[in-house]
Protein backbone atom coordinates (compact mmCIF):
# COMPACT_ATOMS: atom_id res chain seq x y z
CA GLN A 1 0.33 -0.31 -0.02
CA VAL A 2 1.10 3.55 -0.84
CA GLN A 3 0.27 7.06 0.75
CA LEU A 4 0.51 10.06 -1.56
CA VAL A 5 0.10 13.48 -0.50
CA GLU A 6 0.45 16.48 -3.02
CA SER A 7 0.92 20.09 -2.63
CA GLY A 8 2.11 23.15 -4.93
CA GLY A 9 -1.01 23.81 -6.01
CA GLY A 10 -2.68 27.52 -6.80
CA LEU A 11 -3.87 30.84 -8.47
CA VAL A 12 -1.12 31.58 -11.08
CA GLN A 13 -1.70 33.87 -14.33
CA PRO A 14 -1.98 32.40 -17.99
CA GLY A 15 1.54 32.08 -18.88
CA GLY A 16 2.76 31.35 -15.71
CA SER A 17 4.40 28.41 -13.89
CA LEU A 18 3.59 26.07 -10.66
CA ARG A 19 5.42 23.09 -9.68
CA LEU A 20 3.32 20.23 -7.82
CA SER A 21 5.18 17.75 -5.51
CA CYS A 22 3.47 14.58 -4.55
CA ALA A 23 5.62 12.30 -1.41
CA ALA A 24 4.86 8.81 -1.55
CA SER A 25 5.39 6.90 1.82
CA GLY A 26 4.70 3.25 2.43
CA ARG A 27 5.72 0.13 0.48
CA LEU A 28 7.76 1.65 -2.63
CA PHE A 29 9.44 -1.21 -3.81
CA ASN A 30 6.51 -2.39 -5.56
CA ILE A 31 5.86 0.68 -7.71
CA TYR A 32 5.15 0.30 -11.30
CA ALA A 33 4.97 3.95 -12.38
CA MET A 34 3.96 7.04 -10.88
CA GLY A 35 2.43 9.88 -12.86
CA TRP A 36 0.17 12.80 -12.95
CA TYR A 37 -3.58 12.69 -14.12
CA ARG A 38 -6.22 15.87 -13.62
CA GLN A 39 -9.77 16.47 -13.69
CA ALA A 40 -11.60 19.53 -14.17
CA PRO A 41 -15.33 19.91 -13.72
CA GLY A 42 -17.54 18.20 -15.85
CA GLU A 43 -14.67 16.29 -17.90
CA GLU A 44 -13.32 13.22 -16.99
CA ARG A 45 -10.15 12.31 -15.52
CA GLU A 46 -6.92 12.30 -18.11
CA LEU A 47 -3.52 11.32 -18.12
CA VAL A 48 -0.77 14.33 -17.95
CA ALA A 49 2.28 13.02 -17.49
CA GLN A 50 3.81 9.24 -16.40
CA THR A 51 7.17 7.82 -15.81
CA THR A 52 7.86 3.86 -15.08
CA ARG A 53 10.56 2.31 -13.23
CA ASP A 54 12.60 2.01 -17.00
CA ASP A 55 12.51 5.61 -16.73
CA THR A 56 10.41 5.83 -19.75
CA THR A 57 8.73 9.22 -19.19
CA LYS A 58 5.56 9.96 -21.48
CA TYR A 59 3.36 13.16 -21.68
CA ALA A 60 -0.27 14.48 -22.97
CA ASP A 61 -0.26 15.74 -26.47
CA SER A 62 -2.00 18.84 -24.75
CA VAL A 63 1.19 19.63 -22.27
CA LYS A 64 4.09 18.15 -24.47
CA GLY A 65 6.81 21.55 -24.08
CA ARG A 66 5.31 22.95 -21.20
CA PHE A 67 5.16 20.12 -18.58
CA THR A 68 8.14 18.22 -17.09
CA ILE A 69 8.57 15.33 -14.56
CA PRO A 70 11.99 16.35 -13.34
CA ARG A 71 14.46 13.27 -13.17
CA GLU A 72 14.88 12.31 -9.31
CA LYS A 73 16.12 9.40 -8.33
CA GLY A 74 13.68 6.78 -6.45
CA MET A 75 10.09 6.67 -5.87
CA SER A 76 9.56 8.76 -2.84
CA ALA A 77 8.66 11.72 -4.53
CA LEU A 78 7.57 13.12 -7.65
CA TYR A 79 7.20 16.19 -9.09
CA LEU A 80 5.38 18.49 -11.96
CA GLN A 81 6.65 21.43 -13.54
CA MET A 82 4.32 23.36 -15.03
CA ASN A 83 5.51 26.40 -17.68
CA ASN A 84 3.41 27.90 -19.57
CA LEU A 85 -0.02 27.31 -18.16
CA LYS A 86 -2.86 27.96 -19.89
CA PRO A 87 -6.54 28.84 -19.25
CA GLU A 88 -7.21 24.83 -20.47
CA ASP A 89 -4.74 23.34 -17.64
CA ALA A 90 -6.91 24.66 -14.34
CA ALA A 91 -7.91 21.67 -12.96
CA VAL A 92 -7.21 19.16 -9.93
CA TYR A 93 -4.14 17.55 -10.28
CA TYR A 94 -3.86 14.02 -8.87
CA CYS A 95 -0.55 12.02 -8.18
CA ASN A 96 -1.09 8.27 -9.18
CA VAL A 97 0.77 5.25 -8.19
CA VAL A 98 0.63 1.72 -10.02
CA GLU A 99 1.65 -0.72 -8.17
CA CYS A 100 3.41 -4.28 -10.38
CA GLY A 101 0.46 -5.72 -9.04
CA THR A 102 -1.56 -3.38 -11.05
CA ASN A 103 -3.36 -1.78 -7.87
CA MET A 104 -3.56 1.66 -8.31
CA SER A 105 -2.90 4.53 -5.82
CA TRP A 106 -4.33 8.39 -5.53
CA GLY A 107 -3.40 11.14 -3.76
CA GLN A 108 -6.13 13.86 -2.38
CA GLY A 109 -5.28 16.27 -5.19
CA THR A 110 -4.03 19.63 -5.64
CA GLN A 111 -6.56 22.58 -7.25
CA VAL A 112 -4.52 24.13 -10.23
CA THR A 113 -6.52 27.77 -11.35
CA VAL A 114 -5.24 29.29 -13.84
CA SER A 115 -7.05 33.16 -14.80
CA SER A 116 -6.16 36.62 -15.24
């Protein structure tokens, strides 16, 4: 079982930047992948970015070139650097973990608001 706590959300103007953090605790040795999802009101939850144990990282087309998962050793923390934010990026962002047994863990989410 993995526990996840997100932080770093807030209000930012279009074109601004935010850095989200996810702290992971518990049994981390079974983690296969860690990533970020987001969900806007009235929309389904979507994958934003994900990195796996083989260090492969993928990004949604809508955030490529703007969002980055900084490379860090270990699985105890995950970050999401968000640059050039757009109003359509506004959502609750969730940290996600996939364990080798396909079990998923979620954080409580952190709100990102993009408005001038």
